[in-house]
Protein backbone atom coordinates (compact mmCIF):
# COMPACT_ATOMS: atom_id res chain seq x y z
CA GLN A 1 -2.05 44.61 -15.60
CA VAL A 2 -5.09 45.44 -17.72
CA GLN A 3 -8.38 46.45 -16.13
CA LEU A 4 -11.58 45.81 -18.04
CA VAL A 5 -14.86 47.58 -17.38
CA GLU A 6 -18.09 46.35 -18.95
CA SER A 7 -21.33 48.21 -19.48
CA GLY A 8 -24.60 47.78 -21.29
CA GLY A 9 -26.27 44.90 -19.50
CA GLY A 10 -29.86 45.01 -18.36
CA LEU A 11 -33.33 43.55 -18.64
CA VAL A 12 -34.89 43.01 -22.04
CA GLN A 13 -37.80 41.05 -23.44
CA ALA A 14 -37.25 38.06 -25.66
CA GLY A 15 -36.57 39.17 -29.20
CA GLY A 16 -34.99 42.39 -28.04
CA SER A 17 -31.43 43.68 -28.35
CA LEU A 18 -28.62 44.83 -26.10
CA ARG A 19 -25.14 46.08 -26.79
CA LEU A 20 -22.36 45.32 -24.34
CA SER A 21 -19.20 47.39 -24.26
CA CYS A 22 -15.87 46.75 -22.61
CA THR A 23 -13.20 49.41 -22.13
CA ALA A 24 -9.63 48.48 -21.28
CA SER A 25 -7.25 50.52 -19.15
CA ASP A 26 -4.37 49.81 -21.50
CA SER A 27 -3.87 49.04 -25.17
CA ILE A 28 -5.41 45.82 -26.42
CA ASP A 29 -3.71 45.59 -29.79
CA ARG A 30 -0.97 43.45 -28.25
CA PHE A 31 -3.59 40.76 -27.65
CA ASN A 32 -4.39 38.96 -30.88
CA ALA A 33 -7.78 37.66 -29.76
CA VAL A 34 -10.19 39.22 -27.28
CA GLY A 35 -13.70 38.15 -26.43
CA TRP A 36 -16.74 37.68 -24.26
CA TYR A 37 -17.61 34.83 -21.92
CA ARG A 38 -20.83 34.24 -20.06
CA ARG A 39 -21.91 32.26 -17.03
CA ARG A 40 -25.47 31.05 -16.88
CA THR A 41 -26.95 29.91 -13.60
CA GLY A 42 -25.97 26.33 -12.87
CA LYS A 43 -23.70 26.10 -15.91
CA GLN A 44 -20.01 26.45 -16.55
CA ARG A 45 -18.51 29.57 -17.96
CA GLU A 46 -18.53 29.48 -21.76
CA LEU A 47 -16.84 31.44 -24.51
CA VAL A 48 -19.53 33.31 -26.45
CA ALA A 49 -17.53 35.21 -29.06
CA SER A 50 -14.01 36.29 -29.93
CA VAL A 51 -12.35 38.57 -32.44
CA THR A 52 -8.76 38.81 -33.62
CA ASN A 53 -6.70 41.83 -34.61
CA GLY A 54 -7.26 40.81 -38.19
CA GLY A 55 -11.02 40.92 -37.74
CA SER A 56 -11.67 37.17 -37.72
CA THR A 57 -14.59 36.29 -35.49
CA SER A 58 -15.72 33.11 -33.80
CA TYR A 59 -19.02 32.38 -32.06
CA ALA A 60 -20.60 29.72 -29.93
CA ASP A 61 -23.16 27.77 -31.93
CA SER A 62 -25.95 28.98 -29.66
CA VAL A 63 -25.41 32.64 -30.62
CA LYS A 64 -24.37 32.41 -34.27
CA GLY A 65 -26.42 34.72 -36.45
CA ARG A 66 -27.67 36.69 -33.46
CA PHE A 67 -24.55 38.14 -31.81
CA ALA A 68 -21.79 40.22 -33.38
CA ILE A 69 -18.47 41.03 -31.77
CA SER A 70 -16.21 43.93 -32.72
CA ARG A 71 -13.13 45.68 -31.40
CA ASP A 72 -11.64 49.15 -31.73
CA ASN A 73 -8.00 49.08 -30.73
CA ALA A 74 -7.67 52.87 -30.91
CA LYS A 75 -10.44 53.27 -28.34
CA ARG A 76 -9.40 50.15 -26.40
CA THR A 77 -12.91 48.75 -26.63
CA VAL A 78 -14.55 45.41 -27.33
CA SER A 79 -18.27 45.32 -28.06
CA LEU A 80 -20.92 42.64 -28.32
CA GLN A 81 -24.12 43.38 -30.19
CA MET A 82 -26.82 40.92 -29.14
CA ASP A 83 -29.98 40.69 -31.21
CA ASN A 84 -33.01 38.43 -31.08
CA LEU A 85 -32.25 37.64 -27.46
CA ARG A 86 -33.71 34.53 -25.87
CA PRO A 87 -34.41 33.69 -22.22
CA GLU A 88 -31.55 31.19 -22.35
CA ASP A 89 -29.15 34.06 -23.03
CA THR A 90 -29.71 35.23 -19.46
CA ALA A 91 -26.28 35.26 -17.82
CA VAL A 92 -23.48 37.35 -16.45
CA TYR A 93 -21.31 38.41 -19.37
CA TYR A 94 -17.58 38.98 -18.99
CA CYS A 95 -15.12 40.70 -21.24
CA ALA A 96 -11.83 38.80 -21.24
CA LEU A 97 -8.45 38.70 -22.89
CA PRO A 98 -6.41 37.22 -24.33
CA ILE A 99 -8.45 34.41 -25.91
CA SER A 100 -6.46 31.32 -26.83
CA ASP A 101 -7.23 27.65 -27.23
CA GLY A 102 -6.79 25.66 -24.07
CA TRP A 103 -6.08 28.62 -21.79
CA PHE A 104 -8.27 30.83 -19.69
CA PRO A 105 -7.76 34.56 -20.20
CA ASP A 106 -5.43 36.47 -17.92
CA TYR A 107 -7.70 39.49 -17.60
CA TRP A 108 -11.40 39.67 -16.81
CA GLY A 109 -13.97 42.36 -16.34
CA GLN A 110 -16.28 42.43 -13.34
CA GLY A 111 -19.21 41.13 -15.37
CA THR A 112 -22.50 42.63 -16.45
CA GLN A 113 -25.88 40.99 -15.94
CA VAL A 114 -28.11 40.32 -18.93
CA THR A 115 -31.64 39.15 -18.19
CA VAL A 116 -34.03 38.17 -20.96
CA SER A 117 -37.67 37.76 -20.00
CA SER A 118 -40.06 35.53 -21.90
């Protein structure tokens, strides 16, 4: 069982930046891909970004060029740098692993609220 704890959410004006961090209770290097989901009000949960052990990254089209995901296996952390934030990025963001096509992750954080004001 892996516990994930997120931090870094908050309120920011449009155009601003936030950095989300996720710390795992156990090693994450056994999970090839880890990532971040978000749930916007009235919408389904969506995968925002993922990163593999090899450093390959993948992003939702809506955040490409603005968000950057990274991982540090030694520190058991996954981070999401969010720049040029837009009001439509307002959501609860969840760290999750593992990330694989067609399957929901086994482990989820409690979520952190990001609110972007216009």
